């Protein structure tokens, strides 16, 4: 027990920040401070917008960006990752808010944080790299669509209708708008989105999102547009940390949502960190430390009324492009947002909701990488199918179900592709001391096959059919030196084929069984059958010689000395 506790303690110590992190932060602080300021300007409207979209309000979005952003920057595994509320997490949170209320979301975030820390201690970060690219592209496309649809009520200037399905809510919002059009809200949302999209093409380095939001707020205040509904009152500062929301009796019912939030936080954070690595030279994130940092961030954020957080791909990309070199930039972004919360809450509260909707609409559009989607769709039919199914599942269900569906379909298609690589080839018998007549007689009674590729559950039954339908022969030789892997199903099928051939009076001999495959074959009794009367050989030529010996013993072939005597007699006569 002491050893186990010591090992866990060692894992915790390995996940904590190291001296090298501090050295990186001191290398070029001016550059990191400027990058952090740029990211904060971009992150402000996103934090507000995602807080509103989640159903907990703008204050929750800001609290998440400040608290989770700071802790993930310090304890995370990437020097460049920027964390906070994200659109993907909002997609998952909306139905949780509808079913369990705001306190349920805070509890789910706390539970998910504990799960992420546990995953980090268990070194689970490495397994996230096995998510196929079509699944990632598919749920990214689905997220973009859901984020865009979530903004329709605010963009149309109508109250958010009841419902937790985004398609249903969007349809009801459109119906409300048709009854009482609010063209002011539409104009604000459309103008902000257009400025962001056009400005990004014209001057990618300029933060047009905050400029557009400021302009929309000034216009709304000067002209006195009542139709441009503002965010509303925001408290100046963060609330005191509290666990008042926690209801121990309700933890069981919230376990499934917490698992979903933890899975999404892990997946999106590690994906974002990988994207950051790819945008730079010499940067490499630590997956387990990243899970640990995100876990601490999600444990702390609910204490201040914040929603669950993840690594944010868009803000991380801005951070990298702004020249960030260490985690000081991400920490600076959180500190600047904290200053805004304390000093400028009254000004922030006047931002029109329609303007924030425009920011998120433009963000959703920019999330869709048309070139990547085209490339993935053209790669293979399987990749295109996985991408489309994952995107549709995101719209119809939620992100976690979408990822599960995508992984199941991808796994099934991958198994199908691997199974198709497995072959059962008939190979000719080698001619050595045989004359033509003798070789023809041997070939008439002996059939040699070579098993090539994996012999497992997805391909084994096809082998059984082919082996069981072997043409009439006295001996079947199975060359297994090229079998790459074999599982219990493959071993059972092989045993069944040997038994069926035996009942037909056909002797089965095997050659080239690898040492690593013996345990599987032995566990189901297949190896015992093949060893019967010495019918297992190291090589196929030895198996062919064994087949000759067997045929001689049953009188089908003459013994080799008799063959040579017969040949000599024939030559003497000639």
Protein backbone atom coordinates (compact mmCIF):
# COMPACT_ATOMS: atom_id res chain seq x y z
CA UNK A 1 0.00 0.00 0.00
CA UNK A 2 2.87 2.35 0.87
CA UNK A 3 4.45 1.62 -2.48
CA UNK A 4 1.18 2.44 -4.29
CA UNK A 5 0.73 5.71 -2.42
CA UNK A 6 4.33 6.60 -3.08
CA UNK A 7 3.91 5.89 -6.75
CA UNK A 8 0.80 8.08 -6.96
CA UNK A 9 2.64 10.83 -5.12
CA UNK A 10 5.50 10.58 -7.58
CA UNK A 11 3.05 10.92 -10.46
CA UNK A 12 1.61 14.09 -8.91
CA UNK A 13 5.06 15.59 -8.50
CA UNK A 14 5.89 14.80 -12.13
CA UNK A 15 2.74 16.67 -13.22
CA UNK A 16 3.61 19.89 -11.39
CA UNK A 17 5.30 22.86 -13.10
CA UNK A 18 9.07 22.54 -13.47
CA UNK A 19 11.90 25.01 -13.22
CA UNK A 20 12.25 24.91 -17.02
CA UNK A 21 8.78 26.47 -17.32
CA UNK A 22 9.90 29.50 -15.31
CA UNK A 23 13.03 29.80 -17.41
CA UNK A 24 10.91 29.85 -20.57
CA UNK A 25 8.70 32.61 -19.14
CA UNK A 26 11.74 34.78 -18.40
CA UNK A 27 13.28 34.37 -21.86
CA UNK A 28 11.29 37.07 -23.71
CA UNK A 29 8.58 38.43 -21.38
CA UNK A 30 7.81 41.50 -23.50
CA UNK A 31 6.84 39.38 -26.48
CA UNK A 32 4.65 37.15 -24.31
CA UNK A 33 2.94 40.12 -22.64
CA UNK A 34 2.03 41.62 -26.02
CA UNK A 35 0.74 38.24 -27.23
CA UNK A 36 -1.34 37.88 -24.05
CA UNK A 37 -2.88 41.33 -24.61
CA UNK A 38 -3.82 40.39 -28.17
CA UNK A 39 -5.40 37.12 -27.08
CA UNK A 40 -7.34 38.87 -24.30
CA UNK A 41 -8.84 41.31 -26.80
CA UNK A 42 -9.94 38.40 -28.99
CA UNK A 43 -11.09 36.29 -26.05
CA UNK A 44 -13.31 38.91 -24.35
CA UNK A 45 -16.28 38.78 -26.74
CA UNK A 46 -15.90 34.99 -27.08
CA UNK A 47 -15.96 34.49 -23.31
CA UNK A 48 -19.03 36.69 -23.01
CA UNK A 49 -20.76 35.02 -25.94
CA UNK A 50 -20.10 31.45 -24.85
CA UNK A 51 -21.20 32.27 -21.30
CA UNK A 52 -24.50 33.59 -22.63
CA UNK A 53 -24.91 30.63 -25.01
CA UNK A 54 -24.31 28.11 -22.23
CA UNK A 55 -27.27 29.48 -20.29
CA UNK A 56 -25.31 30.63 -17.22
CA UNK A 57 -24.75 34.18 -18.43
CA UNK A 58 -21.86 36.42 -19.46
CA UNK A 59 -20.43 36.52 -15.95
CA UNK A 60 -19.92 32.74 -16.00
CA UNK A 61 -18.01 33.02 -19.28
CA UNK A 62 -15.71 35.70 -17.89
CA UNK A 63 -15.12 33.78 -14.66
CA UNK A 64 -14.17 30.71 -16.66
CA UNK A 65 -11.77 32.65 -18.88
CA UNK A 66 -10.06 34.21 -15.86
CA UNK A 67 -9.88 31.32 -13.39
CA UNK A 68 -9.57 28.36 -15.74
CA UNK A 69 -7.39 30.33 -18.16
CA UNK A 70 -4.87 31.19 -15.42
CA UNK A 71 -4.69 27.72 -13.83
CA UNK A 72 -4.46 25.89 -17.16
CA UNK A 73 -1.69 28.27 -18.24
CA UNK A 74 0.36 27.53 -15.12
CA UNK A 75 -0.28 23.80 -14.70
CA UNK A 76 -1.02 22.70 -18.28
CA UNK A 77 1.29 20.72 -20.51
CA UNK A 78 1.59 23.22 -23.37
CA UNK A 79 3.56 26.45 -23.39
CA UNK A 80 1.16 27.97 -25.92
CA UNK A 81 -2.30 26.67 -25.00
CA UNK A 82 -5.02 29.20 -24.13
CA UNK A 83 -7.99 27.82 -22.21
CA UNK A 84 -11.46 29.06 -21.41
CA UNK A 85 -15.10 28.57 -22.41
CA UNK A 86 -15.48 27.12 -25.89
CA UNK A 87 -18.23 26.52 -28.39
CA UNK A 88 -17.76 22.76 -28.26
CA UNK A 89 -18.32 22.70 -24.51
CA UNK A 90 -21.30 25.02 -24.85
CA UNK A 91 -22.91 22.48 -27.16
CA UNK A 92 -22.71 19.86 -24.39
CA UNK A 93 -23.71 22.21 -21.58
CA UNK A 94 -26.98 23.52 -23.03
CA UNK A 95 -28.93 20.25 -22.49
CA UNK A 96 -27.35 19.85 -19.03
CA UNK A 97 -28.58 23.32 -18.05
CA UNK A 98 -32.04 22.46 -19.36
CA UNK A 99 -32.23 19.26 -17.33
CA UNK A 100 -30.31 20.03 -14.14
CA UNK A 101 -30.12 23.83 -14.00
CA UNK A 102 -27.08 26.08 -13.37
CA UNK A 103 -26.09 24.28 -10.15
CA UNK A 104 -26.03 21.00 -12.05
CA UNK A 105 -23.58 22.46 -14.57
CA UNK A 106 -21.28 23.67 -11.79
CA UNK A 107 -21.35 20.23 -10.15
CA UNK A 108 -20.68 18.52 -13.49
CA UNK A 109 -17.69 20.81 -14.07
CA UNK A 110 -16.24 19.98 -10.65
CA UNK A 111 -16.70 16.23 -11.19
CA UNK A 112 -15.20 16.43 -14.67
CA UNK A 113 -12.16 18.23 -13.24
CA UNK A 114 -11.56 15.42 -10.75
CA UNK A 115 -11.86 12.88 -13.57
CA UNK A 116 -9.31 14.76 -15.68
CA UNK A 117 -6.82 14.79 -12.81
CA UNK A 118 -7.34 11.04 -12.40
CA UNK A 119 -6.74 10.51 -16.13
CA UNK A 120 -3.51 12.48 -15.84
CA UNK A 121 -2.28 10.37 -12.92
CA UNK A 122 -3.15 7.22 -14.89
CA UNK A 123 -1.15 8.49 -17.90
CA UNK A 124 -4.17 8.37 -20.19
CA UNK A 125 -3.12 11.32 -22.32
CA UNK A 126 -1.36 9.18 -24.92
CA UNK A 127 -4.58 7.40 -25.88
CA UNK A 128 -6.21 10.56 -27.22
CA UNK A 129 -3.90 10.47 -30.25
CA UNK A 130 -5.78 7.47 -31.61
CA UNK A 131 -8.88 9.48 -32.54
CA UNK A 132 -9.02 9.34 -36.37
CA UNK A 133 -8.75 12.58 -38.36
CA UNK A 134 -12.19 12.14 -40.04
CA UNK A 135 -13.81 11.99 -36.60
CA UNK A 136 -12.04 15.20 -35.56
CA UNK A 137 -13.01 16.97 -38.79
CA UNK A 138 -16.56 15.68 -38.52
CA UNK A 139 -17.24 16.87 -35.01
CA UNK A 140 -15.47 20.18 -35.74
CA UNK A 141 -17.89 20.71 -38.62
CA UNK A 142 -20.79 19.68 -36.39
CA UNK A 143 -19.63 22.04 -33.62
CA UNK A 144 -19.45 24.92 -36.08
CA UNK A 145 -23.01 24.24 -37.25
CA UNK A 146 -24.35 23.96 -33.69
CA UNK A 147 -22.56 27.14 -32.54
CA UNK A 148 -24.00 29.02 -35.49
CA UNK A 149 -27.52 27.71 -34.85
CA UNK A 150 -27.27 28.54 -31.13
CA UNK A 151 -26.80 32.23 -32.04
CA UNK A 152 -29.97 32.48 -34.12
CA UNK A 153 -32.27 33.64 -31.26
CA UNK A 154 -29.95 36.50 -30.22
CA UNK A 155 -29.14 37.36 -33.83
CA UNK A 156 -32.88 37.65 -34.56
CA UNK A 157 -33.53 39.59 -31.36
CA UNK A 158 -36.00 37.10 -29.86
CA UNK A 159 -36.04 35.43 -26.46
CA UNK A 160 -34.52 31.97 -26.47
CA UNK A 161 -37.34 29.43 -26.92
CA UNK A 162 -37.76 26.41 -24.69
CA UNK A 163 -35.95 23.23 -25.67
CA UNK A 164 -32.53 21.60 -25.50
CA UNK A 165 -32.27 20.48 -29.15
CA UNK A 166 -30.60 23.16 -31.19
CA UNK A 167 -32.58 22.46 -34.35
CA UNK A 168 -35.88 22.71 -32.47
CA UNK A 169 -34.84 25.93 -30.69
CA UNK A 170 -33.68 27.47 -33.96
CA UNK A 171 -36.97 26.67 -35.71
CA UNK A 172 -39.01 28.16 -32.86
CA UNK A 173 -36.83 31.29 -32.86
CA UNK A 174 -37.43 31.76 -36.58
CA UNK A 175 -41.18 31.41 -36.01
CA UNK A 176 -41.04 34.08 -33.28
CA UNK A 177 -39.08 36.40 -35.57
CA UNK A 178 -41.60 36.00 -38.39
CA UNK A 179 -44.38 37.07 -36.02
CA UNK A 180 -42.47 40.16 -34.79
CA UNK A 181 -39.35 40.95 -36.88
CA UNK A 182 -36.45 42.71 -35.14
CA UNK A 183 -34.33 44.00 -38.00
CA UNK A 184 -32.10 46.01 -35.67
CA UNK A 185 -30.76 42.87 -34.05
CA UNK A 186 -30.28 41.25 -37.45
CA UNK A 187 -28.36 44.31 -38.65
CA UNK A 188 -26.06 44.28 -35.62
CA UNK A 189 -25.32 40.57 -35.88
CA UNK A 190 -24.81 40.69 -39.63
CA UNK A 191 -22.59 43.78 -39.49
CA UNK A 192 -20.33 42.38 -36.73
CA UNK A 193 -19.99 39.04 -38.52
CA UNK A 194 -19.24 40.74 -41.85
CA UNK A 195 -16.59 43.01 -40.31
CA UNK A 196 -14.87 40.03 -38.70
CA UNK A 197 -14.90 37.85 -41.82
CA UNK A 198 -13.86 40.59 -44.26
CA UNK A 199 -11.35 42.08 -41.84
CA UNK A 200 -9.69 38.71 -41.23
CA UNK A 201 -8.95 38.46 -44.95
CA UNK A 202 -7.78 42.05 -45.21
CA UNK A 203 -5.69 42.35 -42.02
CA UNK A 204 -5.43 38.99 -40.23
CA UNK A 205 -3.44 40.45 -37.33
CA UNK A 206 -6.03 43.09 -36.39
CA UNK A 207 -8.58 42.04 -33.69
CA UNK A 208 -11.68 43.05 -35.64
CA UNK A 209 -13.99 41.17 -33.25
CA UNK A 210 -13.46 43.58 -30.35
CA UNK A 211 -13.46 46.59 -32.68
CA UNK A 212 -16.79 45.53 -34.19
CA UNK A 213 -18.31 44.90 -30.74
CA UNK A 214 -17.15 48.30 -29.47
CA UNK A 215 -18.57 50.01 -32.55
CA UNK A 216 -21.91 48.20 -32.18
CA UNK A 217 -22.10 49.14 -28.49
CA UNK A 218 -21.38 52.83 -29.20
CA UNK A 219 -24.00 52.95 -31.97
CA UNK A 220 -26.60 51.27 -29.76
CA UNK A 221 -25.96 53.75 -26.93
CA UNK A 222 -25.82 56.91 -29.07
CA UNK A 223 -28.87 56.13 -31.14
CA UNK A 224 -30.78 54.66 -28.22
CA UNK A 225 -31.82 51.45 -29.95
CA UNK A 226 -34.06 49.62 -27.50
CA UNK A 227 -34.29 46.70 -29.90
CA UNK A 228 -30.56 46.03 -29.38
CA UNK A 229 -30.91 44.16 -26.08
CA UNK A 230 -27.68 44.43 -23.99
CA UNK A 231 -25.97 41.77 -21.88
CA UNK A 232 -27.29 43.29 -18.67
CA UNK A 233 -25.75 44.08 -15.30
CA UNK A 234 -22.43 42.45 -14.48
CA UNK A 235 -20.91 42.52 -11.00
CA UNK A 236 -17.56 44.28 -10.72
CA UNK A 237 -15.32 41.36 -9.85
CA UNK A 238 -15.50 37.63 -9.33
CA UNK A 239 -17.76 36.10 -6.70
CA UNK A 240 -16.19 34.60 -3.59
CA UNK A 241 -15.34 30.90 -4.05
CA UNK A 242 -18.12 28.66 -2.77
CA UNK A 243 -19.29 25.07 -2.78
CA UNK A 244 -22.88 26.00 -2.02
CA UNK A 245 -23.99 24.56 -5.37
CA UNK A 246 -22.79 21.06 -4.48
CA UNK A 247 -25.50 18.53 -3.60
CA UNK A 248 -23.90 15.19 -2.64
CA UNK A 249 -27.21 13.40 -3.12
CA UNK A 250 -27.34 14.35 -6.78
CA UNK A 251 -23.85 13.22 -7.75
CA UNK A 252 -25.04 9.85 -9.03
CA UNK A 253 -27.45 11.32 -11.57
CA UNK A 254 -24.77 13.74 -12.80
CA UNK A 255 -22.10 11.07 -13.34
CA UNK A 256 -22.92 10.45 -17.02
CA UNK A 257 -22.91 14.17 -17.95
CA UNK A 258 -19.65 14.60 -16.02
CA UNK A 259 -18.03 11.77 -17.99
CA UNK A 260 -19.19 13.42 -21.21
CA UNK A 261 -17.77 16.80 -20.19
CA UNK A 262 -14.47 15.25 -19.07
CA UNK A 263 -14.12 13.30 -22.32
CA UNK A 264 -14.79 16.40 -24.40
CA UNK A 265 -12.43 18.55 -22.31
CA UNK A 266 -9.65 15.98 -22.70
CA UNK A 267 -10.20 15.53 -26.42
CA UNK A 268 -10.51 19.20 -27.35
CA UNK A 269 -7.64 20.32 -25.10
CA UNK A 270 -5.20 17.74 -26.44
CA UNK A 271 -6.30 18.43 -30.00
CA UNK A 272 -5.73 22.15 -29.48
CA UNK A 273 -2.31 21.50 -27.94
CA UNK A 274 -1.38 19.33 -30.95
CA UNK A 275 -2.45 22.11 -33.30
CA UNK A 276 -0.21 24.54 -31.40
CA UNK A 277 2.74 22.14 -31.71
CA UNK A 278 2.18 21.93 -35.44
CA UNK A 279 2.19 25.73 -35.82
CA UNK A 280 5.62 26.12 -34.22
CA UNK A 281 9.08 24.60 -34.30
CA UNK A 282 10.52 22.98 -31.21
CA UNK A 283 7.32 22.94 -29.13
CA UNK A 284 6.00 19.65 -27.77
CA UNK A 285 3.17 19.43 -25.26
CA UNK A 286 2.97 16.92 -22.41
CA UNK A 287 -0.44 15.23 -22.76
CA UNK A 288 -0.68 14.08 -19.14
CA UNK A 289 0.31 17.48 -17.76
CA UNK A 290 -2.26 19.09 -20.05
CA UNK A 291 -4.97 16.84 -18.61
CA UNK A 292 -3.76 17.70 -15.11
CA UNK A 293 -3.88 21.43 -15.79
CA UNK A 294 -7.32 21.23 -17.36
CA UNK A 295 -8.48 19.15 -14.40
CA UNK A 296 -7.36 21.76 -11.86
CA UNK A 297 -8.91 24.49 -14.00
CA UNK A 298 -12.26 22.72 -14.06
CA UNK A 299 -12.18 22.02 -10.34
CA UNK A 300 -11.60 25.71 -9.59
CA UNK A 301 -13.85 27.38 -12.18
CA UNK A 302 -17.18 26.17 -10.70
CA UNK A 303 -16.19 27.58 -7.30
CA UNK A 304 -16.37 31.04 -8.91
CA UNK A 305 -19.51 30.33 -10.93
CA UNK A 306 -17.65 29.38 -14.11
CA UNK A 307 -18.61 26.78 -16.72
CA UNK A 308 -16.38 23.83 -17.69
CA UNK A 309 -13.37 24.88 -19.75
CA UNK A 310 -11.12 23.35 -22.38
CA UNK A 311 -8.18 24.37 -24.50
CA UNK A 312 -9.46 26.79 -27.16
CA UNK A 313 -8.12 26.17 -30.65
CA UNK A 314 -9.01 29.62 -32.03
CA UNK A 315 -7.46 31.55 -29.11
CA UNK A 316 -4.44 29.25 -29.04
CA UNK A 317 -3.88 29.92 -32.74
CA UNK A 318 -4.06 33.68 -32.11
CA UNK A 319 -1.56 33.25 -29.29
CA UNK A 320 0.91 31.43 -31.54
CA UNK A 321 0.51 33.91 -34.41
CA UNK A 322 1.06 36.78 -31.98
CA UNK A 323 4.55 35.47 -31.20
CA UNK A 324 3.99 33.80 -27.82
CA UNK A 325 6.87 31.66 -26.64
CA UNK A 326 5.86 30.57 -23.16
CA UNK A 327 2.88 30.07 -20.87
CA UNK A 328 3.29 33.68 -19.67
CA UNK A 329 1.20 34.81 -22.66
CA UNK A 330 -1.80 32.66 -21.71
CA UNK A 331 -1.51 33.74 -18.08
CA UNK A 332 -1.37 37.39 -19.17
CA UNK A 333 -4.54 36.92 -21.19
CA UNK A 334 -6.33 35.69 -18.05
CA UNK A 335 -4.93 38.55 -15.95
CA UNK A 336 -6.09 41.20 -18.45
CA UNK A 337 -9.57 39.68 -18.53
CA UNK A 338 -9.59 39.78 -14.71
CA UNK A 339 -8.74 43.48 -14.83
CA UNK A 340 -11.62 44.05 -17.25
CA UNK A 341 -13.99 42.20 -14.92
CA UNK A 342 -13.01 44.42 -12.00
CA UNK A 343 -12.64 47.75 -13.79
CA UNK A 344 -14.92 47.74 -16.83
CA UNK A 345 -17.94 45.60 -15.90
CA UNK A 346 -20.42 48.49 -16.36
CA UNK A 347 -19.15 49.11 -19.90
CA UNK A 348 -19.15 45.42 -20.80
CA UNK A 349 -22.74 45.07 -19.60
CA UNK A 350 -23.91 47.45 -22.35
CA UNK A 351 -22.71 45.23 -25.24
CA UNK A 352 -25.70 44.17 -27.38
CA UNK A 353 -26.41 40.45 -27.35
CA UNK A 354 -26.87 40.60 -31.12
CA UNK A 355 -23.29 41.86 -31.48
CA UNK A 356 -22.00 38.87 -29.49
CA UNK A 357 -24.13 36.61 -31.67
CA UNK A 358 -22.41 38.12 -34.71
CA UNK A 359 -19.00 37.33 -33.19
CA UNK A 360 -19.91 33.71 -32.63
CA UNK A 361 -21.53 33.37 -36.06
CA UNK A 362 -18.28 34.56 -37.66
CA UNK A 363 -16.29 32.24 -35.36
CA UNK A 364 -18.44 29.28 -36.45
CA UNK A 365 -17.91 30.10 -40.12
CA UNK A 366 -14.15 30.41 -39.64
CA UNK A 367 -14.03 27.03 -37.88
CA UNK A 368 -15.00 25.29 -41.11
CA UNK A 369 -11.83 24.51 -43.06
CA UNK A 370 -13.22 23.90 -46.53
CA UNK A 371 -9.88 22.67 -47.89
CA UNK A 372 -9.51 20.08 -45.12
CA UNK A 373 -13.08 18.86 -45.59
CA UNK A 374 -12.58 18.46 -49.35
CA UNK A 375 -9.30 16.61 -48.85
CA UNK A 376 -10.86 14.28 -46.28
CA UNK A 377 -13.90 13.63 -48.47
CA UNK A 378 -11.67 12.79 -51.45
CA UNK A 379 -9.30 10.55 -49.48
CA UNK A 380 -11.47 7.42 -49.27
CA UNK A 381 -15.15 6.62 -49.11
CA UNK A 382 -14.67 5.41 -45.55
CA UNK A 383 -13.18 8.73 -44.45
CA UNK A 384 -16.01 10.67 -46.10
CA UNK A 385 -18.62 8.42 -44.45
CA UNK A 386 -17.05 8.82 -40.99
CA UNK A 387 -16.86 12.60 -41.40
CA UNK A 388 -20.50 12.95 -42.48
CA UNK A 389 -21.85 10.58 -39.81
CA UNK A 390 -19.93 12.36 -37.03
CA UNK A 391 -21.13 15.79 -38.18
CA UNK A 392 -24.77 14.65 -38.43
CA UNK A 393 -24.58 12.92 -35.03
CA UNK A 394 -23.27 16.16 -33.52
CA UNK A 395 -26.32 17.98 -34.83
CA UNK A 396 -28.83 15.27 -33.95
CA UNK A 397 -27.44 14.16 -30.56
CA UNK A 398 -24.40 15.71 -28.89
CA UNK A 399 -20.64 15.77 -29.22
CA UNK A 400 -19.87 12.80 -27.01
CA UNK A 401 -22.32 10.53 -28.82
CA UNK A 402 -20.99 11.89 -32.10
CA UNK A 403 -17.40 10.99 -31.20
CA UNK A 404 -18.48 7.53 -30.00
CA UNK A 405 -20.41 6.92 -33.23
CA UNK A 406 -17.48 8.16 -35.28
CA UNK A 407 -15.02 5.94 -33.42
CA UNK A 408 -17.26 2.86 -33.72
CA UNK A 409 -17.76 3.37 -37.45
CA UNK A 410 -14.07 4.13 -37.97
CA UNK A 411 -13.11 1.01 -36.02
CA UNK A 412 -15.52 -1.17 -37.97
CA UNK A 413 -14.27 0.14 -41.31
CA UNK A 414 -10.65 -0.26 -40.20
CA UNK A 415 -11.28 -3.88 -39.19
CA UNK A 416 -12.96 -4.48 -42.53
CA UNK A 417 -9.93 -3.08 -44.36
CA UNK A 418 -7.51 -5.17 -42.28
CA UNK A 419 -9.62 -8.30 -42.76
CA UNK A 420 -9.48 -7.83 -46.53
CA UNK A 421 -5.70 -7.98 -46.38
CA UNK A 422 -5.81 -11.52 -45.05
CA UNK A 423 -5.38 -14.18 -47.75
CA UNK A 424 -5.35 -17.94 -48.17
CA UNK A 425 -3.13 -18.74 -51.17
CA UNK A 426 -2.49 -22.15 -52.69
CA UNK A 427 1.20 -22.73 -53.27
CA UNK A 428 2.82 -25.27 -55.62
CA UNK A 429 4.78 -28.18 -54.20
CA UNK A 430 8.57 -28.05 -54.62
CA UNK A 431 10.11 -30.62 -56.96
CA UNK A 432 13.26 -32.20 -55.63
CA UNK A 433 14.04 -35.90 -56.15
CA UNK A 434 10.67 -36.63 -57.78
CA UNK A 435 10.33 -37.50 -61.42
CA UNK A 436 7.42 -35.92 -63.31
CA UNK A 437 5.08 -38.86 -62.73
CA UNK A 438 5.88 -39.10 -59.05
CA UNK A 439 5.51 -35.32 -58.55
CA UNK A 440 2.13 -35.37 -60.29
CA UNK A 441 1.01 -38.19 -57.98
CA UNK A 442 2.21 -36.28 -54.92
CA UNK A 443 0.47 -33.08 -56.09
CA UNK A 444 -2.72 -35.05 -56.64
CA UNK A 445 -2.91 -36.04 -52.99
CA UNK A 446 -1.26 -33.05 -51.23
CA UNK A 447 -2.56 -29.44 -51.18
CA UNK A 448 -0.39 -26.70 -49.67
CA UNK A 449 -1.80 -23.33 -48.54
CA UNK A 450 -0.09 -20.25 -47.19
CA UNK A 451 -1.97 -18.13 -44.64
CA UNK A 452 -0.99 -14.48 -45.13
CA UNK A 453 -2.00 -11.58 -42.86
CA UNK A 454 -4.08 -11.45 -39.67
CA UNK A 455 -6.13 -14.45 -38.60
CA UNK A 456 -8.67 -12.82 -36.27
CA UNK A 457 -12.41 -12.56 -35.72
CA UNK A 458 -13.08 -10.25 -38.67
CA UNK A 459 -11.41 -12.55 -41.21
CA UNK A 460 -11.33 -16.02 -39.66
CA UNK A 461 -14.69 -17.32 -40.88
CA UNK A 462 -13.78 -16.70 -44.49
CA UNK A 463 -10.72 -18.93 -43.97
CA UNK A 464 -12.90 -21.62 -42.41
CA UNK A 465 -15.14 -21.74 -45.49
CA UNK A 466 -12.21 -21.89 -47.88
CA UNK A 467 -10.41 -24.58 -45.91
CA UNK A 468 -13.51 -26.69 -45.30
CA UNK A 469 -14.31 -26.67 -49.03
CA UNK A 470 -10.84 -27.86 -50.03
CA UNK A 471 -10.89 -30.24 -53.00
CA UNK A 472 -10.35 -33.94 -52.37
CA UNK A 473 -6.86 -34.55 -51.06
CA UNK A 474 -5.16 -36.85 -48.59
CA UNK A 475 -3.04 -34.11 -46.93
CA UNK A 476 -3.51 -30.35 -46.45
CA UNK A 477 -0.45 -28.31 -45.49
CA UNK A 478 -0.97 -24.91 -43.79
CA UNK A 479 2.02 -22.58 -43.97
CA UNK A 480 1.61 -20.11 -41.09
CA UNK A 481 4.91 -18.25 -41.14
CA UNK A 482 3.24 -15.14 -42.63
CA UNK A 483 0.37 -14.95 -40.16
CA UNK A 484 0.86 -11.52 -38.56
CA UNK A 485 -1.51 -11.98 -35.64
CA UNK A 486 -4.02 -14.50 -34.36
CA UNK A 487 -6.71 -14.15 -31.72
CA UNK A 488 -8.91 -16.66 -29.89
CA UNK A 489 -11.57 -16.54 -32.62
CA UNK A 490 -9.00 -17.22 -35.31
CA UNK A 491 -7.54 -20.10 -33.29
CA UNK A 492 -11.00 -21.62 -32.73
CA UNK A 493 -11.88 -21.32 -36.40
CA UNK A 494 -8.58 -22.95 -37.35
CA UNK A 495 -9.26 -25.79 -34.90
CA UNK A 496 -12.77 -26.22 -36.33
CA UNK A 497 -11.39 -26.38 -39.88
CA UNK A 498 -8.81 -29.02 -38.87
CA UNK A 499 -11.51 -31.12 -37.20
CA UNK A 500 -13.85 -30.87 -40.22
CA UNK A 501 -11.08 -31.88 -42.60
CA UNK A 502 -10.16 -34.74 -40.24
CA UNK A 503 -13.73 -36.05 -40.34
CA UNK A 504 -13.37 -36.22 -44.12
CA UNK A 505 -10.23 -38.33 -43.72
CA UNK A 506 -7.88 -35.45 -44.63
CA UNK A 507 -4.69 -35.07 -42.62
CA UNK A 508 -3.71 -31.46 -41.74
CA UNK A 509 -0.06 -30.50 -41.28
CA UNK A 510 1.16 -27.06 -40.20
CA UNK A 511 4.47 -25.27 -40.65
CA UNK A 512 6.08 -22.07 -39.47
CA UNK A 513 3.97 -21.40 -36.37
CA UNK A 514 5.54 -18.43 -34.59
CA UNK A 515 6.39 -18.61 -30.87
CA UNK A 516 4.05 -15.72 -30.03
CA UNK A 517 1.09 -17.55 -31.59
CA UNK A 518 1.54 -20.82 -29.74
CA UNK A 519 -0.12 -19.67 -26.52
CA UNK A 520 -3.33 -18.66 -28.34
CA UNK A 521 -3.47 -21.89 -30.35
CA UNK A 522 -2.70 -23.98 -27.28
CA UNK A 523 -5.39 -22.26 -25.17
CA UNK A 524 -8.19 -23.50 -27.47
CA UNK A 525 -6.68 -26.92 -28.19
CA UNK A 526 -5.72 -26.19 -31.80
CA UNK A 527 -2.02 -26.79 -31.20
CA UNK A 528 -2.70 -30.22 -29.73
CA UNK A 529 -4.52 -31.24 -32.92
CA UNK A 530 -1.68 -30.02 -35.11
CA UNK A 531 0.91 -31.82 -33.01
CA UNK A 532 -0.98 -35.09 -33.45
CA UNK A 533 1.39 -37.73 -34.79
CA UNK A 534 4.08 -35.12 -35.37
CA UNK A 535 2.13 -33.05 -37.90
CA UNK A 536 3.71 -29.70 -36.99
CA UNK A 537 6.91 -28.69 -38.81
CA UNK A 538 9.32 -25.79 -38.76
CA UNK A 539 9.19 -25.15 -42.52
CA UNK A 540 6.92 -25.93 -45.45
CA UNK A 541 9.52 -28.16 -47.23
CA UNK A 542 9.73 -30.25 -44.07
CA UNK A 543 5.92 -30.46 -44.00
CA UNK A 544 5.90 -31.63 -47.64
CA UNK A 545 8.43 -34.32 -46.75
CA UNK A 546 6.22 -35.29 -43.82
CA UNK A 547 3.26 -35.56 -46.21
CA UNK A 548 5.35 -37.83 -48.48
CA UNK A 549 6.21 -40.04 -45.53
CA UNK A 550 2.56 -40.27 -44.55
CA UNK A 551 1.45 -41.17 -48.09
CA UNK A 552 4.15 -43.84 -48.24
CA UNK A 553 2.86 -45.29 -44.98
CA UNK A 554 -0.65 -45.63 -46.35
CA UNK A 555 0.56 -47.07 -49.67
CA UNK A 556 -0.32 -44.14 -51.91
CA UNK A 557 3.36 -43.53 -52.81
CA UNK A 558 6.24 -45.99 -53.09
CA UNK A 559 9.07 -45.44 -50.59
CA UNK A 560 11.88 -43.33 -52.06
CA UNK A 561 14.41 -46.26 -52.35
CA UNK A 562 11.80 -48.24 -54.30
CA UNK A 563 11.23 -45.25 -56.55
CA UNK A 564 14.95 -45.01 -57.33
CA UNK A 565 15.13 -48.77 -57.98
CA UNK A 566 12.19 -48.52 -60.35
CA UNK A 567 13.83 -45.60 -62.17
CA UNK A 568 17.13 -47.54 -62.50
CA UNK A 569 15.29 -50.58 -63.92
CA UNK A 570 13.54 -48.41 -66.46
CA UNK A 571 16.85 -46.86 -67.52
CA UNK A 572 18.43 -50.34 -67.87
CA UNK A 573 15.59 -51.49 -70.12
CA UNK A 574 16.03 -48.39 -72.26
